[in-house]
Amino acid sequence: MTAIQRSQGGFTYLALLFMIAIMGAVSAVTGVLWSTSQQRAKERQLLFIGNEFRKAIGDYYERSPGAVKRYPADLKALLLDERHVGTVRHLRRIYMDPMTLDQEWGLVRALDGTVMGVYSTSSLSPIKKRFSEHNAGFENASAYSEWKFVYVPRER
């Protein structure tokens, strides 16, 4: 082997090492971007689902028969409201929490123990910082569990 052939072999080896390092860095950046994108998509799902729960709880409350308004005893009461003669459904199904991938939700209870809202039990930190008016309390949340989707009746 001549000296020129040996020096070219070392150059090829260094070029290969640099290529592997660059590919690793690109893969790491791609992974971070993909993870952030997935978390943002889950946040959008959580906001949609949480607001669906809020609307369903509000519908249950507002459509209470009689003069006394009541929140549901549990989330299953939103699936089939047995207080009415006909079939009344405020939700078609209990949604899965997109952050924990579980159907267990944290429940915000009224003084009488009924359910006036839900929240995710995830302790992850949110990315989203700007919200619409009906989600206005979420700006300074340090975890998704602080995003509480509560129905508060309007004063008349």
N, C-alpha and C. Protein backbone atom coordinates (compact mmCIF):
# COMPACT_ATOMS: atom_id res chain seq x y z
N MET A 1 0.83 -1.17 0.00
CA MET A 1 0.00 0.00 0.00
C MET A 1 0.88 1.24 0.00
N THR A 2 0.57 2.16 -0.82
CA THR A 2 1.36 3.38 -0.88
C THR A 2 0.86 4.38 0.15
N ALA A 3 1.65 5.42 0.38
CA ALA A 3 1.29 6.45 1.36
C ALA A 3 0.03 7.20 0.95
N ILE A 4 -0.17 7.41 -0.34
CA ILE A 4 -1.35 8.12 -0.84
C ILE A 4 -2.61 7.31 -0.55
N GLN A 5 -2.57 5.99 -0.76
CA GLN A 5 -3.73 5.14 -0.51
C GLN A 5 -4.10 5.15 0.98
N ARG A 6 -3.09 5.12 1.86
CA ARG A 6 -3.37 5.13 3.30
C ARG A 6 -4.00 6.46 3.72
N SER A 7 -3.54 7.56 3.20
CA SER A 7 -4.09 8.86 3.59
C SER A 7 -5.52 9.03 3.05
N GLN A 8 -5.84 8.46 1.91
CA GLN A 8 -7.20 8.53 1.38
C GLN A 8 -8.15 7.68 2.23
N GLY A 9 -7.67 6.55 2.74
CA GLY A 9 -8.49 5.71 3.60
C GLY A 9 -8.85 6.44 4.88
N GLY A 10 -7.96 7.20 5.44
CA GLY A 10 -8.25 7.98 6.64
C GLY A 10 -9.25 9.09 6.37
N PHE A 11 -9.15 9.72 5.19
CA PHE A 11 -10.08 10.77 4.81
C PHE A 11 -11.49 10.20 4.67
N THR A 12 -11.63 9.05 4.05
CA THR A 12 -12.93 8.41 3.88
C THR A 12 -13.53 8.07 5.24
N TYR A 13 -12.68 7.58 6.16
CA TYR A 13 -13.15 7.24 7.50
C TYR A 13 -13.67 8.49 8.22
N LEU A 14 -12.93 9.60 8.14
CA LEU A 14 -13.37 10.84 8.77
C LEU A 14 -14.65 11.37 8.14
N ALA A 15 -14.76 11.30 6.82
CA ALA A 15 -15.97 11.74 6.13
C ALA A 15 -17.17 10.92 6.59
N LEU A 16 -16.98 9.61 6.75
CA LEU A 16 -18.05 8.73 7.21
C LEU A 16 -18.46 9.10 8.65
N LEU A 17 -17.49 9.38 9.52
CA LEU A 17 -17.81 9.79 10.89
C LEU A 17 -18.59 11.10 10.92
N PHE A 18 -18.20 12.06 10.10
CA PHE A 18 -18.94 13.32 10.03
C PHE A 18 -20.36 13.12 9.51
N MET A 19 -20.52 12.26 8.52
CA MET A 19 -21.86 11.96 7.98
C MET A 19 -22.75 11.34 9.05
N ILE A 20 -22.20 10.42 9.83
CA ILE A 20 -22.98 9.77 10.89
C ILE A 20 -23.37 10.81 11.95
N ALA A 21 -22.45 11.71 12.30
CA ALA A 21 -22.74 12.74 13.29
C ALA A 21 -23.84 13.68 12.79
N ILE A 22 -23.76 14.07 11.54
CA ILE A 22 -24.77 14.96 10.95
C ILE A 22 -26.13 14.26 10.90
N MET A 23 -26.15 12.99 10.52
CA MET A 23 -27.42 12.24 10.47
C MET A 23 -28.02 12.11 11.88
N GLY A 24 -27.18 11.91 12.87
CA GLY A 24 -27.66 11.83 14.25
C GLY A 24 -28.28 13.14 14.71
N ALA A 25 -27.62 14.26 14.38
CA ALA A 25 -28.15 15.57 14.76
C ALA A 25 -29.47 15.86 14.06
N VAL A 26 -29.56 15.53 12.78
CA VAL A 26 -30.80 15.73 12.04
C VAL A 26 -31.92 14.86 12.62
N SER A 27 -31.60 13.63 12.97
CA SER A 27 -32.59 12.73 13.58
C SER A 27 -33.08 13.29 14.92
N ALA A 28 -32.18 13.82 15.71
CA ALA A 28 -32.56 14.39 17.01
C ALA A 28 -33.48 15.58 16.84
N VAL A 29 -33.15 16.47 15.92
CA VAL A 29 -33.99 17.64 15.66
C VAL A 29 -35.36 17.21 15.14
N THR A 30 -35.37 16.24 14.24
CA THR A 30 -36.63 15.73 13.70
C THR A 30 -37.48 15.13 14.80
N GLY A 31 -36.87 14.39 15.71
CA GLY A 31 -37.59 13.79 16.83
C GLY A 31 -38.21 14.83 17.73
N VAL A 32 -37.49 15.89 18.02
CA VAL A 32 -38.01 16.97 18.87
C VAL A 32 -39.18 17.66 18.17
N LEU A 33 -39.03 17.96 16.89
CA LEU A 33 -40.10 18.62 16.15
C LEU A 33 -41.34 17.73 16.08
N TRP A 34 -41.15 16.45 15.85
CA TRP A 34 -42.28 15.52 15.77
C TRP A 34 -42.98 15.43 17.12
N SER A 35 -42.21 15.35 18.20
CA SER A 35 -42.77 15.27 19.54
C SER A 35 -43.58 16.52 19.87
N THR A 36 -43.06 17.68 19.54
CA THR A 36 -43.76 18.94 19.78
C THR A 36 -45.04 19.00 18.95
N SER A 37 -44.96 18.57 17.71
CA SER A 37 -46.13 18.55 16.85
C SER A 37 -47.22 17.62 17.41
N GLN A 38 -46.82 16.46 17.90
CA GLN A 38 -47.77 15.52 18.49
C GLN A 38 -48.40 16.11 19.75
N GLN A 39 -47.61 16.79 20.57
CA GLN A 39 -48.15 17.38 21.79
C GLN A 39 -49.14 18.49 21.46
N ARG A 40 -48.85 19.28 20.44
CA ARG A 40 -49.79 20.33 20.03
C ARG A 40 -51.10 19.73 19.52
N ALA A 41 -51.01 18.63 18.79
CA ALA A 41 -52.22 17.96 18.30
C ALA A 41 -53.04 17.42 19.48
N LYS A 42 -52.37 16.87 20.48
CA LYS A 42 -53.07 16.38 21.67
C LYS A 42 -53.70 17.53 22.44
N GLU A 43 -53.04 18.67 22.48
CA GLU A 43 -53.60 19.85 23.14
C GLU A 43 -54.90 20.28 22.45
N ARG A 44 -54.89 20.29 21.11
CA ARG A 44 -56.10 20.66 20.37
C ARG A 44 -57.23 19.68 20.68
N GLN A 45 -56.90 18.39 20.75
CA GLN A 45 -57.90 17.38 21.09
C GLN A 45 -58.42 17.60 22.51
N LEU A 46 -57.53 17.87 23.44
CA LEU A 46 -57.94 18.09 24.82
C LEU A 46 -58.87 19.29 24.93
N LEU A 47 -58.56 20.37 24.24
CA LEU A 47 -59.42 21.54 24.26
C LEU A 47 -60.79 21.23 23.66
N PHE A 48 -60.83 20.51 22.55
CA PHE A 48 -62.10 20.14 21.93
C PHE A 48 -62.92 19.26 22.87
N ILE A 49 -62.30 18.20 23.38
CA ILE A 49 -63.01 17.24 24.24
C ILE A 49 -63.44 17.90 25.54
N GLY A 50 -62.57 18.68 26.14
CA GLY A 50 -62.92 19.36 27.39
C GLY A 50 -64.10 20.29 27.20
N ASN A 51 -64.12 21.01 26.09
CA ASN A 51 -65.25 21.89 25.82
C ASN A 51 -66.52 21.11 25.50
N GLU A 52 -66.40 19.92 24.91
CA GLU A 52 -67.57 19.06 24.70
C GLU A 52 -68.15 18.62 26.05
N PHE A 53 -67.28 18.25 26.98
CA PHE A 53 -67.74 17.90 28.33
C PHE A 53 -68.43 19.10 28.98
N ARG A 54 -67.82 20.27 28.86
CA ARG A 54 -68.40 21.47 29.45
C ARG A 54 -69.79 21.74 28.90
N LYS A 55 -69.93 21.62 27.56
CA LYS A 55 -71.24 21.84 26.95
C LYS A 55 -72.26 20.80 27.40
N ALA A 56 -71.83 19.54 27.48
CA ALA A 56 -72.74 18.47 27.90
C ALA A 56 -73.19 18.66 29.34
N ILE A 57 -72.26 19.03 30.22
CA ILE A 57 -72.61 19.28 31.62
C ILE A 57 -73.56 20.47 31.71
N GLY A 58 -73.31 21.51 30.92
CA GLY A 58 -74.19 22.67 30.89
C GLY A 58 -75.57 22.32 30.37
N ASP A 59 -75.64 21.49 29.34
CA ASP A 59 -76.93 21.05 28.80
C ASP A 59 -77.70 20.24 29.84
N TYR A 60 -76.99 19.34 30.52
CA TYR A 60 -77.61 18.54 31.57
C TYR A 60 -78.17 19.46 32.66
N TYR A 61 -77.38 20.42 33.08
CA TYR A 61 -77.79 21.35 34.13
C TYR A 61 -79.00 22.18 33.70
N GLU A 62 -78.92 22.78 32.52
CA GLU A 62 -79.97 23.69 32.05
C GLU A 62 -81.28 22.95 31.75
N ARG A 63 -81.19 21.70 31.36
CA ARG A 63 -82.40 20.94 31.02
C ARG A 63 -82.94 20.14 32.21
N SER A 64 -82.51 20.49 33.41
CA SER A 64 -83.02 19.82 34.60
C SER A 64 -84.53 20.04 34.71
N PRO A 65 -85.29 18.97 34.91
CA PRO A 65 -86.73 19.16 35.07
C PRO A 65 -87.03 19.83 36.41
N GLY A 66 -88.05 20.66 36.43
CA GLY A 66 -88.41 21.35 37.66
C GLY A 66 -87.65 22.64 37.83
N ALA A 67 -87.82 23.24 39.00
CA ALA A 67 -87.22 24.55 39.26
C ALA A 67 -85.78 24.44 39.72
N VAL A 68 -85.41 23.33 40.34
CA VAL A 68 -84.06 23.17 40.89
C VAL A 68 -83.13 22.57 39.82
N LYS A 69 -82.08 23.29 39.51
CA LYS A 69 -81.09 22.83 38.52
C LYS A 69 -80.05 21.97 39.23
N ARG A 70 -79.65 20.88 38.57
CA ARG A 70 -78.66 19.98 39.16
C ARG A 70 -77.61 19.59 38.13
N TYR A 71 -76.38 19.40 38.61
CA TYR A 71 -75.31 18.85 37.80
C TYR A 71 -75.44 17.33 37.81
N PRO A 72 -74.80 16.65 36.86
CA PRO A 72 -74.86 15.17 36.86
C PRO A 72 -74.08 14.58 38.04
N ALA A 73 -74.54 13.42 38.50
CA ALA A 73 -73.87 12.73 39.62
C ALA A 73 -72.52 12.19 39.18
N ASP A 74 -72.42 11.77 37.92
CA ASP A 74 -71.17 11.27 37.36
C ASP A 74 -71.19 11.47 35.85
N LEU A 75 -70.11 11.12 35.19
CA LEU A 75 -70.05 11.33 33.73
C LEU A 75 -70.98 10.41 32.97
N LYS A 76 -71.27 9.23 33.51
CA LYS A 76 -72.18 8.30 32.84
C LYS A 76 -73.58 8.87 32.71
N ALA A 77 -73.97 9.78 33.60
CA ALA A 77 -75.30 10.40 33.52
C ALA A 77 -75.43 11.25 32.27
N LEU A 78 -74.30 11.67 31.68
CA LEU A 78 -74.34 12.45 30.44
C LEU A 78 -74.68 11.58 29.23
N LEU A 79 -74.42 10.28 29.35
CA LEU A 79 -74.69 9.36 28.24
C LEU A 79 -76.18 9.05 28.11
N LEU A 80 -76.86 8.94 29.22
CA LEU A 80 -78.30 8.68 29.22
C LEU A 80 -78.91 9.38 30.42
N ASP A 81 -79.64 10.46 30.14
CA ASP A 81 -80.26 11.26 31.19
C ASP A 81 -81.61 10.63 31.52
N GLU A 82 -81.69 9.94 32.64
CA GLU A 82 -82.90 9.21 33.01
C GLU A 82 -83.92 10.09 33.73
N ARG A 83 -83.68 11.38 33.82
CA ARG A 83 -84.62 12.28 34.46
C ARG A 83 -85.79 12.62 33.55
N HIS A 84 -85.66 12.29 32.26
CA HIS A 84 -86.69 12.63 31.28
C HIS A 84 -87.43 11.37 30.85
N VAL A 85 -88.63 11.56 30.31
CA VAL A 85 -89.44 10.43 29.86
C VAL A 85 -88.80 9.77 28.63
N GLY A 86 -88.40 10.57 27.66
CA GLY A 86 -87.76 10.03 26.46
C GLY A 86 -86.25 9.90 26.65
N THR A 87 -85.61 9.41 25.61
CA THR A 87 -84.16 9.25 25.65
C THR A 87 -83.49 10.60 25.42
N VAL A 88 -82.67 11.00 26.38
CA VAL A 88 -81.91 12.25 26.25
C VAL A 88 -80.44 11.92 26.49
N ARG A 89 -79.64 12.23 25.48
CA ARG A 89 -78.19 11.99 25.58
C ARG A 89 -77.48 13.33 25.41
N HIS A 90 -76.63 13.65 26.36
CA HIS A 90 -75.87 14.89 26.29
C HIS A 90 -74.50 14.64 25.66
N LEU A 91 -74.02 13.41 25.75
CA LEU A 91 -72.79 12.95 25.09
C LEU A 91 -73.07 11.58 24.49
N ARG A 92 -72.41 11.26 23.40
CA ARG A 92 -72.56 9.93 22.81
C ARG A 92 -71.67 8.90 23.48
N ARG A 93 -70.52 9.37 24.00
CA ARG A 93 -69.58 8.46 24.66
C ARG A 93 -68.70 9.26 25.60
N ILE A 94 -68.07 8.57 26.55
CA ILE A 94 -67.09 9.21 27.41
C ILE A 94 -65.78 9.21 26.64
N TYR A 95 -65.29 10.39 26.34
CA TYR A 95 -64.07 10.52 25.55
C TYR A 95 -62.85 10.08 26.34
N MET A 96 -61.84 9.67 25.62
CA MET A 96 -60.55 9.33 26.21
C MET A 96 -59.74 10.62 26.37
N ASP A 97 -59.04 10.72 27.47
CA ASP A 97 -58.15 11.86 27.69
C ASP A 97 -56.96 11.72 26.74
N PRO A 98 -56.79 12.64 25.79
CA PRO A 98 -55.70 12.51 24.82
C PRO A 98 -54.30 12.61 25.43
N MET A 99 -54.19 13.21 26.59
CA MET A 99 -52.88 13.38 27.22
C MET A 99 -52.44 12.11 27.96
N THR A 100 -53.37 11.41 28.59
CA THR A 100 -53.03 10.21 29.36
C THR A 100 -53.45 8.93 28.65
N LEU A 101 -54.23 9.06 27.56
CA LEU A 101 -54.77 7.93 26.81
C LEU A 101 -55.57 7.00 27.73
N ASP A 102 -56.37 7.61 28.59
CA ASP A 102 -57.18 6.88 29.55
C ASP A 102 -58.56 7.53 29.61
N GLN A 103 -59.57 6.78 30.00
CA GLN A 103 -60.91 7.35 30.12
C GLN A 103 -61.17 7.92 31.52
N GLU A 104 -60.19 7.87 32.37
CA GLU A 104 -60.33 8.44 33.70
C GLU A 104 -60.02 9.94 33.65
N TRP A 105 -60.98 10.74 34.05
CA TRP A 105 -60.82 12.19 34.08
C TRP A 105 -60.83 12.66 35.52
N GLY A 106 -60.14 13.74 35.77
CA GLY A 106 -60.29 14.40 37.06
C GLY A 106 -61.63 15.10 37.06
N LEU A 107 -62.33 15.07 38.16
CA LEU A 107 -63.67 15.66 38.24
C LEU A 107 -63.66 16.87 39.16
N VAL A 108 -64.27 17.95 38.68
CA VAL A 108 -64.48 19.13 39.50
C VAL A 108 -65.87 18.98 40.10
N ARG A 109 -65.92 18.89 41.40
CA ARG A 109 -67.19 18.62 42.09
C ARG A 109 -67.80 19.91 42.63
N ALA A 110 -69.14 19.95 42.56
CA ALA A 110 -69.89 21.03 43.19
C ALA A 110 -69.97 20.73 44.69
N LEU A 111 -70.51 21.64 45.46
CA LEU A 111 -70.61 21.46 46.91
C LEU A 111 -71.42 20.22 47.29
N ASP A 112 -72.40 19.87 46.46
CA ASP A 112 -73.24 18.70 46.77
C ASP A 112 -72.65 17.39 46.23
N GLY A 113 -71.44 17.43 45.67
CA GLY A 113 -70.78 16.22 45.19
C GLY A 113 -71.04 15.88 43.74
N THR A 114 -71.89 16.64 43.08
CA THR A 114 -72.15 16.39 41.66
C THR A 114 -71.01 16.94 40.82
N VAL A 115 -70.99 16.59 39.53
CA VAL A 115 -69.88 16.93 38.64
C VAL A 115 -70.20 18.21 37.87
N MET A 116 -69.38 19.23 38.06
CA MET A 116 -69.57 20.48 37.32
C MET A 116 -68.46 20.73 36.30
N GLY A 117 -67.48 19.83 36.22
CA GLY A 117 -66.41 19.99 35.26
C GLY A 117 -65.44 18.82 35.26
N VAL A 118 -64.55 18.82 34.27
CA VAL A 118 -63.54 17.78 34.14
C VAL A 118 -62.18 18.43 33.87
N TYR A 119 -61.14 17.63 34.09
CA TYR A 119 -59.79 18.06 33.74
C TYR A 119 -58.93 16.82 33.50
N SER A 120 -57.88 16.99 32.72
CA SER A 120 -56.94 15.91 32.47
C SER A 120 -56.10 15.70 33.73
N THR A 121 -55.70 14.47 33.97
CA THR A 121 -54.85 14.19 35.12
C THR A 121 -53.36 14.26 34.76
N SER A 122 -53.05 14.69 33.54
CA SER A 122 -51.66 14.77 33.08
C SER A 122 -50.91 15.89 33.79
N SER A 123 -49.66 15.59 34.16
CA SER A 123 -48.82 16.60 34.81
C SER A 123 -47.82 17.22 33.82
N LEU A 124 -47.97 16.92 32.54
CA LEU A 124 -47.09 17.52 31.53
C LEU A 124 -47.34 19.03 31.44
N SER A 125 -46.31 19.76 31.05
CA SER A 125 -46.44 21.21 30.88
C SER A 125 -47.03 21.54 29.52
N PRO A 126 -48.01 22.42 29.46
CA PRO A 126 -48.61 22.79 28.17
C PRO A 126 -47.68 23.66 27.33
N ILE A 127 -47.87 23.56 26.03
CA ILE A 127 -47.14 24.43 25.09
C ILE A 127 -47.98 25.67 24.81
N LYS A 128 -49.27 25.47 24.61
CA LYS A 128 -50.19 26.56 24.25
C LYS A 128 -50.30 27.57 25.39
N LYS A 129 -50.25 28.85 25.05
CA LYS A 129 -50.32 29.90 26.05
C LYS A 129 -51.43 30.92 25.79
N ARG A 130 -51.99 30.93 24.60
CA ARG A 130 -53.07 31.87 24.26
C ARG A 130 -54.35 31.09 24.04
N PHE A 131 -55.45 31.61 24.62
CA PHE A 131 -56.71 30.89 24.59
C PHE A 131 -57.85 31.82 24.26
N SER A 132 -58.95 31.21 23.81
CA SER A 132 -60.16 31.98 23.54
C SER A 132 -60.80 32.38 24.86
N GLU A 133 -61.85 33.17 24.79
CA GLU A 133 -62.48 33.73 25.99
C GLU A 133 -63.00 32.66 26.95
N HIS A 134 -63.64 31.60 26.44
CA HIS A 134 -64.21 30.60 27.36
C HIS A 134 -63.17 29.67 27.97
N ASN A 135 -61.91 29.75 27.52
CA ASN A 135 -60.81 29.01 28.15
C ASN A 135 -59.79 29.98 28.73
N ALA A 136 -60.25 31.14 29.13
CA ALA A 136 -59.37 32.24 29.53
C ALA A 136 -58.50 31.94 30.75
N GLY A 137 -58.88 31.03 31.61
CA GLY A 137 -58.10 30.77 32.81
C GLY A 137 -56.91 29.85 32.61
N PHE A 138 -56.65 29.42 31.39
CA PHE A 138 -55.62 28.42 31.15
C PHE A 138 -54.24 29.00 30.87
N GLU A 139 -54.10 30.32 30.71
CA GLU A 139 -52.85 30.93 30.25
C GLU A 139 -51.64 30.60 31.12
N ASN A 140 -51.78 30.65 32.41
CA ASN A 140 -50.63 30.49 33.30
C ASN A 140 -50.54 29.09 33.90
N ALA A 141 -51.20 28.13 33.29
CA ALA A 141 -51.20 26.76 33.82
C ALA A 141 -49.81 26.14 33.65
N SER A 142 -49.36 25.45 34.68
CA SER A 142 -48.05 24.78 34.61
C SER A 142 -48.20 23.31 34.25
N ALA A 143 -49.45 22.80 34.21
CA ALA A 143 -49.71 21.41 33.84
C ALA A 143 -51.10 21.33 33.21
N TYR A 144 -51.33 20.29 32.41
CA TYR A 144 -52.64 20.12 31.79
C TYR A 144 -53.72 19.90 32.84
N SER A 145 -53.36 19.38 33.99
CA SER A 145 -54.34 19.15 35.06
C SER A 145 -54.93 20.46 35.58
N GLU A 146 -54.33 21.58 35.24
CA GLU A 146 -54.85 22.89 35.64
C GLU A 146 -55.84 23.45 34.62
N TRP A 147 -56.00 22.78 33.48
CA TRP A 147 -57.00 23.18 32.50
C TRP A 147 -58.33 22.58 32.94
N LYS A 148 -59.12 23.31 33.68
CA LYS A 148 -60.38 22.81 34.22
C LYS A 148 -61.53 23.29 33.33
N PHE A 149 -62.26 22.33 32.77
CA PHE A 149 -63.39 22.62 31.90
C PHE A 149 -64.66 22.55 32.75
N VAL A 150 -65.04 23.70 33.32
CA VAL A 150 -66.13 23.76 34.30
C VAL A 150 -67.30 24.55 33.70
N TYR A 151 -68.51 24.01 33.91
CA TYR A 151 -69.70 24.75 33.52
C TYR A 151 -70.16 25.57 34.71
N VAL A 152 -70.20 26.89 34.51
CA VAL A 152 -70.71 27.81 35.52
C VAL A 152 -71.92 28.49 34.92
N PRO A 153 -73.10 28.29 35.54
CA PRO A 153 -74.31 28.90 34.96
C PRO A 153 -74.23 30.43 35.00
N ARG A 154 -74.81 31.04 34.00
CA ARG A 154 -74.86 32.51 33.95
C ARG A 154 -75.90 33.01 34.94
N GLU A 155 -75.58 34.10 35.56
CA GLU A 155 -76.54 34.69 36.47
C GLU A 155 -77.59 35.41 35.64
N ARG A 156 -78.81 35.30 36.09
CA ARG A 156 -79.90 35.89 35.30
C ARG A 156 -80.43 37.13 35.95
